[in-house]
Amino acid sequence: MISAKINSGLFGGRVLILPPQTITRAVSSKVRASIFNKLEARGKSVLDLFAGGGTLGLEALSHGAKEVTFVDISSLAIKAIRQNVTSLGVADSVSIIKSDAMRYIGKNPAAYDIVFLDPPYKEFSNALVKSTSNLIQLDGILVISCSSKFNLEVPMELSLLDQKDYGDTKIAFFRKTK
């Protein structure tokens, strides 16, 4: 069994079950800590796209997010998220959706305060960033995790707030301005 711990907040130190790394690529503890040192999740609605085991969304709940929607196409990922949600007792604050992320983006009219976009590196594209920006409320935040080798293009409706490489992972923060 692969596992990770929530770094801090209400559920800090709690162990999360993760799907096999052949299915997903979990964001490291160090990178998650860096993300949440820069992000205010309290009272926010959050979307965790390509959720894997749900580490980013569950860390957001631990930091006071009002609600989190998890989207992943893998049955093993959905199973892990459900186990983690049950273990933490947060079922009333989450929605778990088994769907292809692009299908979800295309059919979902909701707008979130924070969106985590953490697809497999081979599926990442600037077109995916553009499409995902439609799910963010004005002044909302998009947090992207992609290969440090990827050249991010900033869509007109987003402004880059911060970007940093952690080994082979690039984390970028954008604010929706239009």
C-alpha atoms as a PDB file:
ATOM      1  CA  MET A   1       0.000   0.000   0.000  1.00  0.00           C
ATOM      2  CA  ILE A   2       1.296   3.435  -0.948  1.00  0.00           C
ATOM      3  CA  SER A   3       0.514   6.249   1.459  1.00  0.00           C
ATOM      4  CA  ALA A   4       1.157   9.913   2.195  1.00  0.00           C
ATOM      5  CA  LYS A   5       0.497  12.151   5.170  1.00  0.00           C
ATOM      6  CA  ILE A   6      -1.421  15.406   5.273  1.00  0.00           C
ATOM      7  CA  ASN A   7       1.176  18.047   6.099  1.00  0.00           C
ATOM      8  CA  SER A   8      -0.691  20.461   8.339  1.00  0.00           C
ATOM      9  CA  GLY A   9      -3.984  21.948   9.361  1.00  0.00           C
ATOM     10  CA  LEU A  10      -6.901  20.151  11.013  1.00  0.00           C
ATOM     11  CA  PHE A  11      -5.865  16.734   9.648  1.00  0.00           C
ATOM     12  CA  GLY A  12      -2.091  17.243   9.827  1.00  0.00           C
ATOM     13  CA  GLY A  13      -0.242  13.952  10.224  1.00  0.00           C
ATOM     14  CA  ARG A  14      -3.198  11.799   9.112  1.00  0.00           C
ATOM     15  CA  VAL A  15      -2.252   9.054   6.661  1.00  0.00           C
ATOM     16  CA  LEU A  16      -3.833   8.932   3.200  1.00  0.00           C
ATOM     17  CA  ILE A  17      -4.043   5.865   0.993  1.00  0.00           C
ATOM     18  CA  LEU A  18      -2.824   6.452  -2.558  1.00  0.00           C
ATOM     19  CA  PRO A  19      -3.494   4.510  -5.753  1.00  0.00           C
ATOM     20  CA  PRO A  20      -0.484   2.763  -7.321  1.00  0.00           C
ATOM     21  CA  GLN A  21       2.062   5.164  -8.847  1.00  0.00           C
ATOM     22  CA  THR A  22       1.496   3.385 -12.163  1.00  0.00           C
ATOM     23  CA  ILE A  23      -1.977   4.977 -12.091  1.00  0.00           C
ATOM     24  CA  THR A  24      -1.155   8.427 -10.669  1.00  0.00           C
ATOM     25  CA  ARG A  25       1.793  10.646  -9.731  1.00  0.00           C
ATOM     26  CA  ALA A  26       1.324  12.029  -6.243  1.00  0.00           C
ATOM     27  CA  VAL A  27       2.514  15.543  -5.418  1.00  0.00           C
ATOM     28  CA  SER A  28       5.315  15.230  -2.871  1.00  0.00           C
ATOM     29  CA  SER A  29       4.908  16.374   0.717  1.00  0.00           C
ATOM     30  CA  LYS A  30       7.501  19.127   0.196  1.00  0.00           C
ATOM     31  CA  VAL A  31       5.681  20.503  -2.845  1.00  0.00           C
ATOM     32  CA  ARG A  32       2.271  20.342  -1.113  1.00  0.00           C
ATOM     33  CA  ALA A  33       3.719  22.227   1.862  1.00  0.00           C
ATOM     34  CA  SER A  34       5.013  24.922  -0.483  1.00  0.00           C
ATOM     35  CA  ILE A  35       1.640  25.191  -2.227  1.00  0.00           C
ATOM     36  CA  PHE A  36      -0.286  25.623   1.015  1.00  0.00           C
ATOM     37  CA  ASN A  37       2.226  28.112   2.398  1.00  0.00           C
ATOM     38  CA  LYS A  38       1.168  30.387  -0.488  1.00  0.00           C
ATOM     39  CA  LEU A  39      -2.533  29.542  -0.704  1.00  0.00           C
ATOM     40  CA  GLU A  40      -5.446  30.561   1.482  1.00  0.00           C
ATOM     41  CA  ALA A  41      -8.021  27.751   1.296  1.00  0.00           C
ATOM     42  CA  ARG A  42     -10.217  28.695   4.278  1.00  0.00           C
ATOM     43  CA  GLY A  43     -13.867  28.960   3.235  1.00  0.00           C
ATOM     44  CA  LYS A  44     -13.106  28.298  -0.444  1.00  0.00           C
ATOM     45  CA  SER A  45     -14.698  25.956  -2.973  1.00  0.00           C
ATOM     46  CA  VAL A  46     -12.014  23.734  -4.503  1.00  0.00           C
ATOM     47  CA  LEU A  47     -11.751  21.530  -7.585  1.00  0.00           C
ATOM     48  CA  ASP A  48      -9.081  18.805  -7.629  1.00  0.00           C
ATOM     49  CA  LEU A  49      -8.809  17.729 -11.297  1.00  0.00           C
ATOM     50  CA  PHE A  50      -6.843  14.548 -12.041  1.00  0.00           C
ATOM     51  CA  ALA A  51      -7.223  14.006  -8.291  1.00  0.00           C
ATOM     52  CA  GLY A  52      -5.349  10.712  -7.898  1.00  0.00           C
ATOM     53  CA  GLY A  53      -5.578   9.877  -4.185  1.00  0.00           C
ATOM     54  CA  GLY A  54      -6.963  13.337  -3.430  1.00  0.00           C
ATOM     55  CA  THR A  55      -3.925  14.686  -1.583  1.00  0.00           C
ATOM     56  CA  LEU A  56      -4.289  18.279  -2.818  1.00  0.00           C
ATOM     57  CA  GLY A  57      -8.029  18.499  -2.169  1.00  0.00           C
ATOM     58  CA  LEU A  58      -7.763  16.814   1.223  1.00  0.00           C
ATOM     59  CA  GLU A  59      -4.905  19.122   2.203  1.00  0.00           C
ATOM     60  CA  ALA A  60      -7.215  22.022   1.212  1.00  0.00           C
ATOM     61  CA  LEU A  61      -9.956  20.627   3.487  1.00  0.00           C
ATOM     62  CA  SER A  62      -7.386  20.335   6.267  1.00  0.00           C
ATOM     63  CA  HIS A  63      -6.697  24.051   5.740  1.00  0.00           C
ATOM     64  CA  GLY A  64     -10.373  24.998   6.031  1.00  0.00           C
ATOM     65  CA  ALA A  65     -11.767  24.703   2.489  1.00  0.00           C
ATOM     66  CA  LYS A  66     -15.565  24.791   2.510  1.00  0.00           C
ATOM     67  CA  GLU A  67     -15.995  22.084  -0.127  1.00  0.00           C
ATOM     68  CA  VAL A  68     -13.916  20.032  -2.534  1.00  0.00           C
ATOM     69  CA  THR A  69     -14.860  18.303  -5.778  1.00  0.00           C
ATOM     70  CA  PHE A  70     -12.544  15.465  -6.805  1.00  0.00           C
ATOM     71  CA  VAL A  71     -12.437  14.371 -10.463  1.00  0.00           C
ATOM     72  CA  ASP A  72     -10.498  11.380 -11.745  1.00  0.00           C
ATOM     73  CA  ILE A  73     -11.141   8.715 -14.372  1.00  0.00           C
ATOM     74  CA  SER A  74      -9.337   5.869 -12.582  1.00  0.00           C
ATOM     75  CA  SER A  75     -11.488   3.482 -10.540  1.00  0.00           C
ATOM     76  CA  LEU A  76      -8.488   2.846  -8.251  1.00  0.00           C
ATOM     77  CA  ALA A  77      -8.059   6.594  -7.671  1.00  0.00           C
ATOM     78  CA  ILE A  78     -11.772   7.024  -6.906  1.00  0.00           C
ATOM     79  CA  LYS A  79     -11.607   4.101  -4.471  1.00  0.00           C
ATOM     80  CA  ALA A  80      -8.619   5.674  -2.673  1.00  0.00           C
ATOM     81  CA  ILE A  81     -10.355   9.067  -2.463  1.00  0.00           C
ATOM     82  CA  ARG A  82     -13.493   7.463  -1.012  1.00  0.00           C
ATOM     83  CA  GLN A  83     -11.406   5.606   1.602  1.00  0.00           C
ATOM     84  CA  ASN A  84      -9.567   8.808   2.534  1.00  0.00           C
ATOM     85  CA  VAL A  85     -12.775  10.845   2.759  1.00  0.00           C
ATOM     86  CA  THR A  86     -14.349   8.189   4.995  1.00  0.00           C
ATOM     87  CA  SER A  87     -11.232   7.964   7.169  1.00  0.00           C
ATOM     88  CA  LEU A  88     -11.228  11.744   7.690  1.00  0.00           C
ATOM     89  CA  GLY A  89     -15.011  11.968   8.173  1.00  0.00           C
ATOM     90  CA  VAL A  90     -15.455  14.710   5.570  1.00  0.00           C
ATOM     91  CA  ALA A  91     -18.062  13.145   3.260  1.00  0.00           C
ATOM     92  CA  ASP A  92     -20.446  16.088   3.736  1.00  0.00           C
ATOM     93  CA  SER A  93     -17.834  18.482   2.319  1.00  0.00           C
ATOM     94  CA  VAL A  94     -16.892  16.584  -0.832  1.00  0.00           C
ATOM     95  CA  SER A  95     -18.153  15.437  -4.210  1.00  0.00           C
ATOM     96  CA  ILE A  96     -16.342  12.576  -5.918  1.00  0.00           C
ATOM     97  CA  ILE A  97     -16.784  12.307  -9.672  1.00  0.00           C
ATOM     98  CA  LYS A  98     -15.461   9.496 -11.856  1.00  0.00           C
ATOM     99  CA  SER A  99     -14.956  11.228 -15.179  1.00  0.00           C
ATOM    100  CA  ASP A 100     -12.472  12.144 -17.835  1.00  0.00           C
ATOM    101  CA  ALA A 101     -11.233  15.604 -16.851  1.00  0.00           C
ATOM    102  CA  MET A 102     -11.801  17.133 -20.296  1.00  0.00           C
ATOM    103  CA  ARG A 103     -15.380  15.829 -20.361  1.00  0.00           C
ATOM    104  CA  TYR A 104     -15.945  17.272 -16.890  1.00  0.00           C
ATOM    105  CA  ILE A 105     -14.481  20.629 -17.931  1.00  0.00           C
ATOM    106  CA  GLY A 106     -16.681  20.740 -21.027  1.00  0.00           C
ATOM    107  CA  LYS A 107     -19.928  19.864 -19.254  1.00  0.00           C
ATOM    108  CA  ASN A 108     -19.523  21.623 -15.912  1.00  0.00           C
ATOM    109  CA  PRO A 109     -20.869  25.165 -15.463  1.00  0.00           C
ATOM    110  CA  ALA A 110     -19.597  25.523 -11.865  1.00  0.00           C
ATOM    111  CA  ALA A 111     -16.951  28.070 -10.964  1.00  0.00           C
ATOM    112  CA  TYR A 112     -14.504  27.377  -8.149  1.00  0.00           C
ATOM    113  CA  ASP A 113     -12.353  29.601  -5.938  1.00  0.00           C
ATOM    114  CA  ILE A 114      -9.343  27.277  -6.292  1.00  0.00           C
ATOM    115  CA  VAL A 115      -8.605  24.705  -8.991  1.00  0.00           C
ATOM    116  CA  PHE A 116      -5.757  22.209  -8.802  1.00  0.00           C
ATOM    117  CA  LEU A 117      -4.650  20.991 -12.221  1.00  0.00           C
ATOM    118  CA  ASP A 118      -2.244  18.078 -11.801  1.00  0.00           C
ATOM    119  CA  PRO A 119      -2.566  15.778 -14.839  1.00  0.00           C
ATOM    120  CA  PRO A 120      -0.097  13.126 -15.920  1.00  0.00           C
ATOM    121  CA  TYR A 121       2.790  14.994 -17.527  1.00  0.00           C
ATOM    122  CA  LYS A 122       2.105  13.392 -20.916  1.00  0.00           C
ATOM    123  CA  GLU A 123      -1.483  14.728 -20.886  1.00  0.00           C
ATOM    124  CA  PHE A 124      -0.543  18.284 -19.962  1.00  0.00           C
ATOM    125  CA  SER A 125      -1.007  21.058 -22.532  1.00  0.00           C
ATOM    126  CA  ASN A 126      -1.567  24.789 -22.705  1.00  0.00           C
ATOM    127  CA  ALA A 127      -4.982  24.005 -24.236  1.00  0.00           C
ATOM    128  CA  LEU A 128      -5.840  22.135 -21.013  1.00  0.00           C
ATOM    129  CA  VAL A 129      -4.859  25.213 -18.985  1.00  0.00           C
ATOM    130  CA  LYS A 130      -7.083  27.415 -21.183  1.00  0.00           C
ATOM    131  CA  SER A 131     -10.052  25.037 -20.861  1.00  0.00           C
ATOM    132  CA  THR A 132      -9.604  24.717 -17.102  1.00  0.00           C
ATOM    133  CA  SER A 133      -9.579  28.511 -16.685  1.00  0.00           C
ATOM    134  CA  ASN A 134     -13.318  28.460 -17.507  1.00  0.00           C
ATOM    135  CA  LEU A 135     -13.945  26.707 -14.171  1.00  0.00           C
ATOM    136  CA  ILE A 136     -12.372  29.443 -12.046  1.00  0.00           C
ATOM    137  CA  GLN A 137     -14.326  32.322 -10.511  1.00  0.00           C
ATOM    138  CA  LEU A 138     -13.107  35.851 -11.094  1.00  0.00           C
ATOM    139  CA  ASP A 139     -10.148  36.403  -8.720  1.00  0.00           C
ATOM    140  CA  GLY A 140      -9.959  32.632  -8.200  1.00  0.00           C
ATOM    141  CA  ILE A 141      -6.678  30.729  -8.220  1.00  0.00           C
ATOM    142  CA  LEU A 142      -5.437  28.019 -10.567  1.00  0.00           C
ATOM    143  CA  VAL A 143      -2.575  25.900  -9.220  1.00  0.00           C
ATOM    144  CA  ILE A 144      -0.787  23.916 -11.906  1.00  0.00           C
ATOM    145  CA  SER A 145       1.601  21.016 -11.470  1.00  0.00           C
ATOM    146  CA  CYS A 146       3.449  20.027 -14.634  1.00  0.00           C
ATOM    147  CA  SER A 147       6.879  18.997 -15.862  1.00  0.00           C
ATOM    148  CA  SER A 148       9.571  21.579 -15.143  1.00  0.00           C
ATOM    149  CA  LYS A 149      10.505  21.235 -18.825  1.00  0.00           C
ATOM    150  CA  PHE A 150       7.084  22.420 -19.992  1.00  0.00           C
ATOM    151  CA  ASN A 151       6.796  25.967 -21.367  1.00  0.00           C
ATOM    152  CA  LEU A 152       3.617  27.397 -19.849  1.00  0.00           C
ATOM    153  CA  GLU A 153       1.709  29.942 -21.894  1.00  0.00           C
ATOM    154  CA  VAL A 154      -0.484  32.269 -19.852  1.00  0.00           C
ATOM    155  CA  PRO A 155      -4.053  32.595 -21.195  1.00  0.00           C
ATOM    156  CA  MET A 156      -5.336  36.188 -21.447  1.00  0.00           C
ATOM    157  CA  GLU A 157      -7.825  35.708 -18.606  1.00  0.00           C
ATOM    158  CA  LEU A 158      -5.118  34.608 -16.150  1.00  0.00           C
ATOM    159  CA  SER A 159      -2.185  36.388 -14.582  1.00  0.00           C
ATOM    160  CA  LEU A 160       0.863  34.512 -13.326  1.00  0.00           C
ATOM    161  CA  LEU A 161       1.353  35.034  -9.582  1.00  0.00           C
ATOM    162  CA  ASP A 162       4.264  32.685  -8.914  1.00  0.00           C
ATOM    163  CA  GLN A 163       6.151  29.809 -10.480  1.00  0.00           C
ATOM    164  CA  LYS A 164       8.832  27.526  -9.083  1.00  0.00           C
ATOM    165  CA  ASP A 165      10.540  24.299 -10.069  1.00  0.00           C
ATOM    166  CA  TYR A 166      10.956  21.440  -7.589  1.00  0.00           C
ATOM    167  CA  GLY A 167      13.194  18.948  -9.370  1.00  0.00           C
ATOM    168  CA  ASP A 168      11.218  17.712 -12.368  1.00  0.00           C
ATOM    169  CA  THR A 169       7.976  19.368 -11.173  1.00  0.00           C
ATOM    170  CA  LYS A 170       6.894  22.938 -11.933  1.00  0.00           C
ATOM    171  CA  ILE A 171       4.264  24.562  -9.713  1.00  0.00           C
ATOM    172  CA  ALA A 172       2.568  27.691 -11.040  1.00  0.00           C
ATOM    173  CA  PHE A 173      -0.079  29.915  -9.442  1.00  0.00           C
ATOM    174  CA  PHE A 174      -2.430  31.962 -11.611  1.00  0.00           C
ATOM    175  CA  ARG A 175      -5.242  34.387 -10.724  1.00  0.00           C
ATOM    176  CA  LYS A 176      -8.278  34.756 -12.977  1.00  0.00           C
ATOM    177  CA  THR A 177      -8.504  38.433 -13.883  1.00  0.00           C
ATOM    178  CA  LYS A 178     -11.092  38.446 -16.713  1.00  0.00           C
END
